[in-house]
Amino acid sequence: MATAQGVSLDHIARESADVKRLAQFYKEILGFEEIESPEFGDFEVIWLRLPPSFSLHLIERNPNTKLPEGPYCSAASAVADPRNLPRGHHVSFSVSNFDGFVRFLKEKGIETFEKTQPDGKTKQIFFFDPDGNGLEVGSWEAPAQ
């Protein structure tokens, strides 16, 4: 059996009861751009792109699904605390203006958790989007293109 070849990340999909609210968050906080989205008819989607090529597909929640409504809502004792995100499910982004971005999040009133990796070089900040999905932003250098 051969392993997959030529693999690259195409997109991440997030289900939401309010795709417009979630799209606004990602556009306002992380600078995503809204791109053309297909018309599926019975449910709404909004596709976003972070140039040059990363896509985030926001899909209206199916009210008949048995999936949990958020990463931390299926457990009765779960708490949405960003201090738990370094070892939890999250999507990570890098920015070139880390300190300014941290100030921006604080000005927006977004609850965060900051830490520095053991090497003392890489700073990280963890927070949640409006649907409870974990996010990390780090001071890593962007990969060469």
N, C-alpha and C. Protein backbone atom coordinates (compact mmCIF):
# COMPACT_ATOMS: atom_id res chain seq x y z
N MET A 1 0.85 -1.17 0.00
CA MET A 1 0.00 0.00 0.00
C MET A 1 0.90 1.24 0.00
N ALA A 2 0.62 2.16 -0.88
CA ALA A 2 1.41 3.39 -0.97
C ALA A 2 0.77 4.49 -0.13
N THR A 3 1.61 5.30 0.50
CA THR A 3 1.10 6.44 1.23
C THR A 3 0.70 7.53 0.24
N ALA A 4 -0.11 8.45 0.69
CA ALA A 4 -0.54 9.56 -0.15
C ALA A 4 0.68 10.38 -0.58
N GLN A 5 0.65 10.89 -1.79
CA GLN A 5 1.75 11.69 -2.31
C GLN A 5 1.22 13.05 -2.73
N GLY A 6 2.06 14.05 -2.67
CA GLY A 6 1.66 15.40 -3.07
C GLY A 6 0.61 15.99 -2.15
N VAL A 7 0.63 15.61 -0.89
CA VAL A 7 -0.38 16.05 0.06
C VAL A 7 -0.14 17.50 0.48
N SER A 8 -1.21 18.26 0.54
CA SER A 8 -1.15 19.61 1.08
C SER A 8 -2.48 19.91 1.75
N LEU A 9 -2.47 20.81 2.71
CA LEU A 9 -3.69 21.20 3.39
C LEU A 9 -4.52 22.07 2.47
N ASP A 10 -5.79 21.72 2.28
CA ASP A 10 -6.68 22.48 1.42
C ASP A 10 -7.53 23.46 2.23
N HIS A 11 -8.23 22.95 3.23
CA HIS A 11 -9.07 23.83 4.06
C HIS A 11 -9.41 23.15 5.37
N ILE A 12 -9.88 23.97 6.30
CA ILE A 12 -10.47 23.48 7.54
C ILE A 12 -11.92 23.93 7.53
N ALA A 13 -12.82 23.06 7.95
CA ALA A 13 -14.24 23.39 8.00
C ALA A 13 -14.68 23.49 9.45
N ARG A 14 -15.49 24.49 9.74
CA ARG A 14 -16.08 24.68 11.06
C ARG A 14 -17.58 24.78 10.89
N GLU A 15 -18.31 24.00 11.68
CA GLU A 15 -19.76 24.04 11.69
C GLU A 15 -20.19 25.11 12.69
N SER A 16 -21.23 25.87 12.34
CA SER A 16 -21.68 26.93 13.23
C SER A 16 -23.17 27.17 13.08
N ALA A 17 -23.82 27.52 14.18
CA ALA A 17 -25.22 27.92 14.13
C ALA A 17 -25.36 29.32 13.53
N ASP A 18 -24.27 30.09 13.52
CA ASP A 18 -24.31 31.46 13.02
C ASP A 18 -23.04 31.73 12.19
N VAL A 19 -23.07 31.30 10.93
CA VAL A 19 -21.88 31.43 10.08
C VAL A 19 -21.51 32.89 9.82
N LYS A 20 -22.49 33.78 9.78
CA LYS A 20 -22.19 35.20 9.56
C LYS A 20 -21.39 35.78 10.72
N ARG A 21 -21.81 35.47 11.94
CA ARG A 21 -21.08 35.96 13.12
C ARG A 21 -19.66 35.41 13.14
N LEU A 22 -19.51 34.11 12.86
CA LEU A 22 -18.19 33.49 12.88
C LEU A 22 -17.30 34.05 11.77
N ALA A 23 -17.86 34.28 10.59
CA ALA A 23 -17.10 34.87 9.48
C ALA A 23 -16.62 36.26 9.86
N GLN A 24 -17.47 37.05 10.49
CA GLN A 24 -17.08 38.39 10.89
C GLN A 24 -15.91 38.36 11.87
N PHE A 25 -15.94 37.42 12.82
CA PHE A 25 -14.85 37.27 13.77
C PHE A 25 -13.54 36.99 13.05
N TYR A 26 -13.52 36.02 12.16
CA TYR A 26 -12.28 35.65 11.48
C TYR A 26 -11.79 36.77 10.55
N LYS A 27 -12.70 37.51 9.96
CA LYS A 27 -12.29 38.64 9.11
C LYS A 27 -11.73 39.76 9.97
N GLU A 28 -12.40 40.08 11.07
CA GLU A 28 -11.99 41.20 11.90
C GLU A 28 -10.74 40.90 12.73
N ILE A 29 -10.64 39.71 13.28
CA ILE A 29 -9.55 39.38 14.19
C ILE A 29 -8.31 38.88 13.46
N LEU A 30 -8.46 38.03 12.46
CA LEU A 30 -7.30 37.43 11.80
C LEU A 30 -7.11 37.88 10.35
N GLY A 31 -7.98 38.73 9.82
CA GLY A 31 -7.78 39.27 8.48
C GLY A 31 -8.14 38.35 7.32
N PHE A 32 -9.01 37.37 7.56
CA PHE A 32 -9.47 36.52 6.47
C PHE A 32 -10.28 37.36 5.48
N GLU A 33 -10.29 36.93 4.24
CA GLU A 33 -11.10 37.56 3.19
C GLU A 33 -12.21 36.61 2.79
N GLU A 34 -13.40 37.14 2.57
CA GLU A 34 -14.50 36.30 2.10
C GLU A 34 -14.32 36.06 0.61
N ILE A 35 -14.46 34.81 0.19
CA ILE A 35 -14.32 34.45 -1.22
C ILE A 35 -15.62 33.82 -1.70
N GLU A 36 -15.71 33.60 -2.99
CA GLU A 36 -16.92 33.02 -3.56
C GLU A 36 -17.21 31.66 -2.94
N SER A 37 -18.46 31.47 -2.55
CA SER A 37 -18.90 30.23 -1.92
C SER A 37 -19.98 29.59 -2.77
N PRO A 38 -20.01 28.27 -2.82
CA PRO A 38 -21.07 27.60 -3.59
C PRO A 38 -22.43 27.75 -2.91
N GLU A 39 -23.47 27.66 -3.68
CA GLU A 39 -24.85 27.69 -3.17
C GLU A 39 -25.34 26.26 -3.01
N PHE A 40 -25.45 25.80 -1.77
CA PHE A 40 -25.92 24.44 -1.52
C PHE A 40 -27.43 24.38 -1.38
N GLY A 41 -28.08 25.52 -1.27
CA GLY A 41 -29.54 25.57 -1.25
C GLY A 41 -30.15 25.45 0.12
N ASP A 42 -30.01 24.30 0.76
CA ASP A 42 -30.71 24.10 2.03
C ASP A 42 -29.88 24.46 3.27
N PHE A 43 -28.64 24.90 3.09
CA PHE A 43 -27.86 25.39 4.22
C PHE A 43 -26.85 26.42 3.71
N GLU A 44 -26.47 27.32 4.61
CA GLU A 44 -25.58 28.43 4.25
C GLU A 44 -24.12 28.05 4.50
N VAL A 45 -23.26 28.49 3.60
CA VAL A 45 -21.82 28.36 3.80
C VAL A 45 -21.17 29.71 3.50
N ILE A 46 -20.09 29.97 4.19
CA ILE A 46 -19.25 31.12 3.87
C ILE A 46 -17.83 30.60 3.81
N TRP A 47 -17.18 30.85 2.68
CA TRP A 47 -15.80 30.43 2.53
C TRP A 47 -14.91 31.65 2.70
N LEU A 48 -13.85 31.45 3.48
CA LEU A 48 -12.89 32.52 3.76
C LEU A 48 -11.51 32.06 3.32
N ARG A 49 -10.67 33.03 2.99
CA ARG A 49 -9.29 32.71 2.62
C ARG A 49 -8.35 33.65 3.36
N LEU A 50 -7.26 33.07 3.82
CA LEU A 50 -6.16 33.83 4.39
C LEU A 50 -5.05 33.77 3.35
N PRO A 51 -4.82 34.89 2.65
CA PRO A 51 -3.84 34.84 1.55
C PRO A 51 -2.48 34.32 2.03
N PRO A 52 -1.79 33.53 1.23
CA PRO A 52 -2.11 33.32 -0.17
C PRO A 52 -3.05 32.15 -0.45
N SER A 53 -3.14 31.14 0.46
CA SER A 53 -3.90 29.97 0.02
C SER A 53 -4.65 29.20 1.10
N PHE A 54 -4.63 29.61 2.35
CA PHE A 54 -5.32 28.85 3.39
C PHE A 54 -6.80 29.19 3.40
N SER A 55 -7.67 28.19 3.37
CA SER A 55 -9.12 28.41 3.35
C SER A 55 -9.79 27.86 4.60
N LEU A 56 -10.80 28.58 5.03
CA LEU A 56 -11.63 28.18 6.16
C LEU A 56 -13.06 28.16 5.65
N HIS A 57 -13.72 26.99 5.73
CA HIS A 57 -15.10 26.85 5.27
C HIS A 57 -16.01 26.83 6.48
N LEU A 58 -16.91 27.81 6.56
CA LEU A 58 -17.89 27.88 7.63
C LEU A 58 -19.20 27.34 7.11
N ILE A 59 -19.74 26.37 7.80
CA ILE A 59 -20.91 25.63 7.32
C ILE A 59 -22.01 25.72 8.37
N GLU A 60 -23.21 26.09 7.93
CA GLU A 60 -24.34 26.18 8.84
C GLU A 60 -24.62 24.83 9.49
N ARG A 61 -24.77 24.85 10.82
CA ARG A 61 -25.02 23.62 11.59
C ARG A 61 -26.28 22.92 11.11
N ASN A 62 -26.20 21.62 11.00
CA ASN A 62 -27.36 20.79 10.70
C ASN A 62 -28.08 20.54 12.02
N PRO A 63 -29.32 21.03 12.17
CA PRO A 63 -30.01 20.86 13.46
C PRO A 63 -30.30 19.40 13.80
N ASN A 64 -30.17 18.50 12.83
CA ASN A 64 -30.43 17.08 13.08
C ASN A 64 -29.18 16.29 13.43
N THR A 65 -28.03 16.94 13.44
CA THR A 65 -26.78 16.24 13.69
C THR A 65 -26.63 15.85 15.15
N LYS A 66 -25.83 14.86 15.39
CA LYS A 66 -25.53 14.43 16.75
C LYS A 66 -24.14 14.91 17.18
N LEU A 67 -23.49 15.72 16.35
CA LEU A 67 -22.18 16.24 16.71
C LEU A 67 -22.30 17.23 17.85
N PRO A 68 -21.29 17.32 18.72
CA PRO A 68 -21.35 18.33 19.78
C PRO A 68 -21.33 19.72 19.16
N GLU A 69 -21.93 20.69 19.82
CA GLU A 69 -22.02 22.04 19.27
C GLU A 69 -20.73 22.83 19.40
N GLY A 70 -19.80 22.35 20.14
CA GLY A 70 -18.51 23.02 20.28
C GLY A 70 -17.54 22.06 20.92
N PRO A 71 -16.26 22.36 20.85
CA PRO A 71 -15.26 21.42 21.35
C PRO A 71 -15.37 21.14 22.84
N TYR A 72 -15.94 22.05 23.62
CA TYR A 72 -15.99 21.83 25.06
C TYR A 72 -17.40 21.68 25.59
N CYS A 73 -18.40 21.57 24.76
CA CYS A 73 -19.77 21.54 25.27
C CYS A 73 -20.30 20.13 25.49
N SER A 74 -19.58 19.10 25.08
CA SER A 74 -20.11 17.75 25.24
C SER A 74 -19.88 17.20 26.65
N ALA A 75 -18.97 17.79 27.39
CA ALA A 75 -18.72 17.33 28.76
C ALA A 75 -19.38 18.31 29.73
N ALA A 76 -20.15 17.77 30.65
CA ALA A 76 -20.89 18.62 31.58
C ALA A 76 -19.97 19.50 32.43
N SER A 77 -18.76 19.03 32.72
CA SER A 77 -17.87 19.79 33.59
C SER A 77 -16.83 20.62 32.81
N ALA A 78 -16.92 20.65 31.51
CA ALA A 78 -15.93 21.36 30.71
C ALA A 78 -16.04 22.87 30.93
N VAL A 79 -14.89 23.53 30.89
CA VAL A 79 -14.83 24.98 31.06
C VAL A 79 -14.03 25.56 29.91
N ALA A 80 -14.54 26.61 29.31
CA ALA A 80 -13.86 27.27 28.20
C ALA A 80 -12.78 28.20 28.77
N ASP A 81 -11.66 27.63 29.11
CA ASP A 81 -10.56 28.39 29.69
C ASP A 81 -9.37 28.32 28.74
N PRO A 82 -8.92 29.47 28.20
CA PRO A 82 -7.82 29.43 27.24
C PRO A 82 -6.52 28.86 27.81
N ARG A 83 -6.39 28.78 29.15
CA ARG A 83 -5.19 28.17 29.72
C ARG A 83 -5.09 26.68 29.40
N ASN A 84 -6.22 26.06 29.02
CA ASN A 84 -6.21 24.64 28.67
C ASN A 84 -5.85 24.37 27.21
N LEU A 85 -5.83 25.40 26.39
CA LEU A 85 -5.63 25.20 24.96
C LEU A 85 -4.25 24.71 24.53
N PRO A 86 -3.16 25.04 25.22
CA PRO A 86 -1.88 24.52 24.73
C PRO A 86 -1.84 23.00 24.60
N ARG A 87 -2.62 22.30 25.41
CA ARG A 87 -2.68 20.84 25.30
C ARG A 87 -4.01 20.36 24.75
N GLY A 88 -4.82 21.26 24.23
CA GLY A 88 -6.13 20.90 23.70
C GLY A 88 -6.22 21.15 22.20
N HIS A 89 -7.40 20.92 21.65
CA HIS A 89 -7.63 21.11 20.22
C HIS A 89 -7.60 22.59 19.88
N HIS A 90 -6.79 22.93 18.89
CA HIS A 90 -6.73 24.32 18.43
C HIS A 90 -6.13 24.37 17.04
N VAL A 91 -6.41 25.46 16.35
CA VAL A 91 -5.80 25.76 15.06
C VAL A 91 -4.82 26.90 15.33
N SER A 92 -3.64 26.81 14.72
CA SER A 92 -2.60 27.78 15.02
C SER A 92 -2.25 28.63 13.79
N PHE A 93 -2.02 29.91 14.04
CA PHE A 93 -1.60 30.86 13.02
C PHE A 93 -0.33 31.54 13.50
N SER A 94 0.45 32.08 12.58
CA SER A 94 1.60 32.91 12.96
C SER A 94 1.35 34.32 12.46
N VAL A 95 1.88 35.29 13.19
CA VAL A 95 1.77 36.69 12.79
C VAL A 95 3.14 37.35 12.90
N SER A 96 3.33 38.39 12.12
CA SER A 96 4.60 39.11 12.16
C SER A 96 4.57 40.27 13.16
N ASN A 97 3.38 40.59 13.68
CA ASN A 97 3.22 41.70 14.63
C ASN A 97 2.64 41.20 15.95
N PHE A 98 3.30 40.21 16.54
CA PHE A 98 2.74 39.51 17.69
C PHE A 98 2.31 40.46 18.82
N ASP A 99 3.19 41.34 19.27
CA ASP A 99 2.86 42.21 20.41
C ASP A 99 1.68 43.12 20.10
N GLY A 100 1.63 43.67 18.90
CA GLY A 100 0.50 44.51 18.50
C GLY A 100 -0.79 43.71 18.42
N PHE A 101 -0.68 42.47 17.94
CA PHE A 101 -1.86 41.61 17.85
C PHE A 101 -2.40 41.29 19.23
N VAL A 102 -1.52 41.03 20.19
CA VAL A 102 -1.95 40.75 21.56
C VAL A 102 -2.70 41.96 22.12
N ARG A 103 -2.17 43.17 21.89
CA ARG A 103 -2.87 44.38 22.36
C ARG A 103 -4.25 44.49 21.70
N PHE A 104 -4.33 44.17 20.40
CA PHE A 104 -5.59 44.21 19.67
C PHE A 104 -6.62 43.27 20.30
N LEU A 105 -6.21 42.04 20.62
CA LEU A 105 -7.14 41.09 21.25
C LEU A 105 -7.63 41.62 22.59
N LYS A 106 -6.73 42.20 23.37
CA LYS A 106 -7.11 42.73 24.67
C LYS A 106 -8.07 43.90 24.52
N GLU A 107 -7.83 44.77 23.53
CA GLU A 107 -8.74 45.89 23.27
C GLU A 107 -10.13 45.39 22.90
N LYS A 108 -10.21 44.24 22.24
CA LYS A 108 -11.49 43.65 21.86
C LYS A 108 -12.16 42.93 23.03
N GLY A 109 -11.45 42.80 24.15
CA GLY A 109 -12.02 42.13 25.31
C GLY A 109 -12.02 40.62 25.20
N ILE A 110 -11.17 40.06 24.37
CA ILE A 110 -11.11 38.61 24.18
C ILE A 110 -10.24 38.01 25.28
N GLU A 111 -10.78 37.01 25.98
CA GLU A 111 -10.03 36.34 27.04
C GLU A 111 -8.91 35.52 26.42
N THR A 112 -7.70 35.67 26.94
CA THR A 112 -6.53 35.02 26.34
C THR A 112 -5.66 34.37 27.40
N PHE A 113 -4.75 33.54 26.92
CA PHE A 113 -3.70 32.97 27.74
C PHE A 113 -2.41 33.08 26.95
N GLU A 114 -1.40 33.72 27.55
CA GLU A 114 -0.11 33.90 26.89
C GLU A 114 0.94 33.02 27.53
N LYS A 115 1.86 32.54 26.69
CA LYS A 115 3.00 31.79 27.19
C LYS A 115 4.15 31.91 26.20
N THR A 116 5.31 31.52 26.65
CA THR A 116 6.49 31.49 25.80
C THR A 116 7.01 30.06 25.79
N GLN A 117 7.42 29.58 24.61
CA GLN A 117 7.95 28.23 24.53
C GLN A 117 9.25 28.13 25.32
N PRO A 118 9.63 26.91 25.74
CA PRO A 118 10.81 26.74 26.58
C PRO A 118 12.10 27.36 26.02
N ASP A 119 12.19 27.49 24.69
CA ASP A 119 13.40 28.08 24.12
C ASP A 119 13.50 29.58 24.39
N GLY A 120 12.40 30.17 24.91
CA GLY A 120 12.38 31.59 25.22
C GLY A 120 12.23 32.50 24.02
N LYS A 121 12.12 31.94 22.84
CA LYS A 121 12.07 32.73 21.61
C LYS A 121 10.65 32.90 21.07
N THR A 122 9.87 31.86 21.13
CA THR A 122 8.55 31.87 20.50
C THR A 122 7.47 32.20 21.52
N LYS A 123 6.75 33.30 21.27
CA LYS A 123 5.64 33.69 22.13
C LYS A 123 4.34 33.16 21.52
N GLN A 124 3.40 32.81 22.38
CA GLN A 124 2.12 32.25 21.94
C GLN A 124 0.99 32.90 22.72
N ILE A 125 -0.17 33.02 22.06
CA ILE A 125 -1.38 33.46 22.73
C ILE A 125 -2.51 32.54 22.30
N PHE A 126 -3.32 32.13 23.25
CA PHE A 126 -4.42 31.19 23.01
C PHE A 126 -5.73 31.87 23.36
N PHE A 127 -6.78 31.59 22.56
CA PHE A 127 -8.10 32.17 22.80
C PHE A 127 -9.12 31.36 22.02
N PHE A 128 -10.40 31.69 22.21
CA PHE A 128 -11.48 30.98 21.54
C PHE A 128 -12.18 31.88 20.54
N ASP A 129 -12.69 31.28 19.46
CA ASP A 129 -13.58 32.02 18.57
C ASP A 129 -14.97 32.01 19.19
N PRO A 130 -15.95 32.72 18.61
CA PRO A 130 -17.28 32.80 19.24
C PRO A 130 -18.00 31.46 19.40
N ASP A 131 -17.60 30.44 18.64
CA ASP A 131 -18.24 29.13 18.77
C ASP A 131 -17.47 28.19 19.69
N GLY A 132 -16.41 28.67 20.33
CA GLY A 132 -15.66 27.85 21.27
C GLY A 132 -14.54 27.05 20.66
N ASN A 133 -14.17 27.31 19.40
CA ASN A 133 -13.04 26.63 18.79
C ASN A 133 -11.74 27.27 19.27
N GLY A 134 -10.79 26.45 19.68
CA GLY A 134 -9.53 26.95 20.19
C GLY A 134 -8.64 27.50 19.08
N LEU A 135 -8.01 28.64 19.36
CA LEU A 135 -7.09 29.28 18.41
C LEU A 135 -5.79 29.60 19.13
N GLU A 136 -4.71 29.51 18.39
CA GLU A 136 -3.39 29.91 18.88
C GLU A 136 -2.79 30.84 17.84
N VAL A 137 -2.11 31.86 18.30
CA VAL A 137 -1.32 32.71 17.41
C VAL A 137 0.06 32.79 18.03
N GLY A 138 1.06 32.56 17.17
CA GLY A 138 2.43 32.55 17.64
C GLY A 138 3.30 33.54 16.89
N SER A 139 4.48 33.75 17.45
CA SER A 139 5.43 34.68 16.84
C SER A 139 6.40 33.97 15.90
N TRP A 140 6.05 32.77 15.45
CA TRP A 140 6.91 32.05 14.52
C TRP A 140 7.07 32.84 13.24
N GLU A 141 8.17 32.63 12.58
CA GLU A 141 8.33 33.24 11.25
C GLU A 141 7.51 32.44 10.27
N ALA A 142 6.89 33.15 9.33
CA ALA A 142 6.10 32.48 8.29
C ALA A 142 7.03 31.64 7.42
N PRO A 143 6.56 30.47 6.95
CA PRO A 143 7.39 29.64 6.08
C PRO A 143 7.68 30.37 4.76
N ALA A 144 8.84 30.12 4.22
CA ALA A 144 9.21 30.72 2.93
C ALA A 144 8.29 30.21 1.83
N GLN A 145 7.98 31.10 0.89
CA GLN A 145 7.04 30.71 -0.17
C GLN A 145 7.73 30.47 -1.48
